[in-house]
Amino acid sequence: MDYMSFVTDVVQTDAFRNWRESNKPTSSGHGRCSQNWSNALALKTTPFDAAEYLDTPEAQAEFITAALETGDAAFIRDSVNTVARARGMSEIAKSTGLSREGLYKALGEAGNPEFSTMLGVLRALGLGLTARPLPKKSGKQRKPAKPRTRKAA
């Protein structure tokens, strides 16, 4: 069966006629079908908040560790914000000596917290920073410098 035969068969069915009749153009020139589709396609969604799922200190530490490994300061700030909200921003604010509003501002999207603030928040979360060597980049390796020799005067 070719395409045109198929379309002709569909158009001649009672189901198609009933659908077409119920979707006749309105006074605006558009069929009610467009309204039906917009309602059918509207999905109800809720915002995702990682703080709701970070319910153990281990999960929170892994979350912040993963953020630290990116090296992206904004992402690290956002991750610390998420963990602080998971623990309770008021509790963390009391532990750091900051106001709740000040902590929200420092860890917010436009915030640029000082390093001492970040250390205080991490300490209040029961977390600390550690340093480790980064993996070497593949490619050209820098040759060690040749030792300089002094000429005798």
Protein backbone atom coordinates (compact mmCIF):
# COMPACT_ATOMS: atom_id res chain seq x y z
CA MET A 1 0.00 0.00 0.00
CA ASP A 2 1.45 3.38 -0.94
CA TYR A 3 1.28 6.49 1.21
CA MET A 4 -1.62 8.16 -0.64
CA SER A 5 -3.76 5.02 -0.40
CA PHE A 6 -3.09 4.85 3.31
CA VAL A 7 -4.02 8.51 3.86
CA THR A 8 -7.18 8.09 1.79
CA ASP A 9 -8.21 5.06 3.85
CA VAL A 10 -7.65 6.94 7.13
CA VAL A 11 -9.57 10.02 5.99
CA GLN A 12 -12.55 7.87 5.03
CA THR A 13 -12.92 6.30 8.50
CA ASP A 14 -15.65 7.31 10.92
CA ALA A 15 -13.09 7.94 13.65
CA PHE A 16 -11.31 10.54 11.48
CA ARG A 17 -14.59 12.20 10.53
CA ASN A 18 -15.60 12.44 14.20
CA TRP A 19 -12.20 13.88 15.13
CA ARG A 20 -12.38 16.39 12.28
CA GLU A 21 -15.91 17.42 13.26
CA SER A 22 -14.90 18.02 16.90
CA ASN A 23 -11.90 20.11 15.80
CA LYS A 24 -13.46 22.49 13.32
CA PRO A 25 -11.85 25.90 13.13
CA THR A 26 -13.08 28.47 15.63
CA SER A 27 -13.76 32.11 14.86
CA SER A 28 -10.02 32.79 15.17
CA GLY A 29 -9.43 30.44 12.27
CA HIS A 30 -7.61 27.85 14.36
CA GLY A 31 -8.98 24.48 15.22
CA ARG A 32 -9.63 23.52 18.81
CA CYS A 33 -7.05 20.83 18.22
CA SER A 34 -4.21 23.25 18.97
CA GLN A 35 -5.77 23.97 22.36
CA ASN A 36 -6.17 20.27 23.09
CA TRP A 37 -2.55 19.57 22.21
CA SER A 38 -1.19 22.34 24.41
CA ASN A 39 -3.12 20.93 27.36
CA ALA A 40 -2.05 17.37 26.60
CA LEU A 41 1.62 18.31 26.36
CA ALA A 42 1.76 20.40 29.53
CA LEU A 43 3.80 18.41 32.02
CA LYS A 44 3.73 19.07 35.69
CA THR A 45 7.28 19.14 37.01
CA THR A 46 8.86 19.99 40.30
CA PRO A 47 12.28 21.59 40.74
CA PHE A 48 15.08 19.19 41.59
CA ASP A 49 16.99 19.99 44.77
CA ALA A 50 20.02 17.83 45.51
CA ALA A 51 19.87 18.93 49.16
CA GLU A 52 16.86 16.64 49.64
CA TYR A 53 18.97 13.61 48.70
CA LEU A 54 22.18 14.43 50.56
CA ASP A 55 21.07 12.89 53.83
CA THR A 56 24.34 11.41 55.13
CA PRO A 57 27.67 13.07 55.95
CA GLU A 58 29.38 10.63 53.57
CA ALA A 59 27.15 11.61 50.64
CA GLN A 60 27.67 15.29 51.44
CA ALA A 61 31.46 14.85 51.59
CA GLU A 62 31.45 13.01 48.24
CA PHE A 63 29.30 15.75 46.71
CA ILE A 64 31.70 18.50 47.76
CA THR A 65 34.76 16.42 46.83
CA ALA A 66 33.39 15.95 43.31
CA ALA A 67 32.85 19.71 43.08
CA LEU A 68 36.38 20.45 44.30
CA GLU A 69 37.80 18.14 41.65
CA THR A 70 36.24 20.28 38.90
CA GLY A 71 38.25 23.32 39.95
CA ASP A 72 35.25 25.54 39.13
CA ALA A 73 34.88 28.09 41.95
CA ALA A 74 31.19 28.81 41.24
CA PHE A 75 30.34 25.10 41.18
CA ILE A 76 32.21 24.56 44.45
CA ARG A 77 30.34 27.48 46.05
CA ASP A 78 27.00 26.09 44.82
CA SER A 79 27.86 22.61 46.13
CA VAL A 80 28.77 23.94 49.58
CA ASN A 81 25.49 25.92 49.52
CA THR A 82 23.55 22.74 48.68
CA VAL A 83 25.16 20.76 51.53
CA ALA A 84 24.64 23.65 53.96
CA ARG A 85 20.95 23.71 53.04
CA ALA A 86 20.79 19.94 53.50
CA ARG A 87 22.17 20.30 57.03
CA GLY A 88 20.17 23.41 57.86
CA MET A 89 21.38 26.88 57.01
CA SER A 90 20.52 28.30 60.46
CA GLU A 91 22.62 25.68 62.23
CA ILE A 92 25.59 26.28 59.92
CA ALA A 93 25.26 30.06 60.30
CA LYS A 94 25.40 29.75 64.11
CA SER A 95 28.47 27.51 63.90
CA THR A 96 30.30 29.93 61.61
CA GLY A 97 29.32 33.09 63.47
CA LEU A 98 27.63 34.52 60.38
CA SER A 99 24.02 35.61 60.07
CA ARG A 100 21.74 33.29 58.16
CA GLU A 101 21.14 36.01 55.57
CA GLY A 102 24.88 36.67 55.26
CA LEU A 103 25.52 32.98 54.69
CA TYR A 104 22.81 32.80 52.01
CA LYS A 105 24.34 35.87 50.35
CA ALA A 106 27.91 34.51 50.48
CA LEU A 107 26.93 31.10 49.11
CA GLY A 108 24.28 32.40 46.70
CA GLU A 109 24.53 32.63 42.93
CA ALA A 110 26.06 36.12 43.01
CA GLY A 111 28.17 35.41 46.09
CA ASN A 112 31.94 35.47 46.17
CA PRO A 113 32.78 34.18 49.64
CA GLU A 114 36.20 34.73 51.15
CA PHE A 115 38.35 31.67 51.60
CA SER A 116 38.05 32.00 55.38
CA THR A 117 34.26 31.90 55.05
CA MET A 118 34.45 28.73 52.96
CA LEU A 119 36.81 27.13 55.49
CA GLY A 120 34.46 28.08 58.33
CA VAL A 121 31.45 26.60 56.53
CA LEU A 122 33.34 23.39 55.72
CA ARG A 123 34.47 23.15 59.37
CA ALA A 124 30.85 23.65 60.51
CA LEU A 125 29.87 20.84 58.15
CA GLY A 126 32.50 18.63 59.75
CA LEU A 127 34.60 18.62 56.59
CA GLY A 128 38.16 19.63 55.84
CA LEU A 129 40.30 20.21 52.80
CA THR A 130 43.23 18.04 51.81
CA ALA A 131 45.79 18.50 49.06
CA ARG A 132 47.06 15.83 46.71
CA PRO A 133 49.15 15.95 43.57
CA LEU A 134 47.21 16.30 40.35
CA PRO A 135 47.71 13.69 37.65
CA LYS A 136 50.35 14.70 35.12
CA LYS A 137 49.07 15.98 31.82
CA SER A 138 49.97 13.92 28.81
CA GLY A 139 51.90 15.67 26.08
CA LYS A 140 55.12 17.60 26.12
CA GLN A 141 57.01 17.26 29.35
CA ARG A 142 59.16 20.16 30.41
CA LYS A 143 62.86 19.32 30.53
CA PRO A 144 64.65 20.03 33.78
CA ALA A 145 66.87 23.10 33.71
CA LYS A 146 70.59 22.52 33.19
CA PRO A 147 72.70 23.50 36.17
CA ARG A 148 74.56 26.76 35.67
CA THR A 149 78.27 26.84 36.05
CA ARG A 150 80.11 29.91 37.17
CA LYS A 151 83.22 31.03 35.46
CA ALA A 152 86.13 31.71 37.73
CA ALA A 153 87.21 35.31 37.82
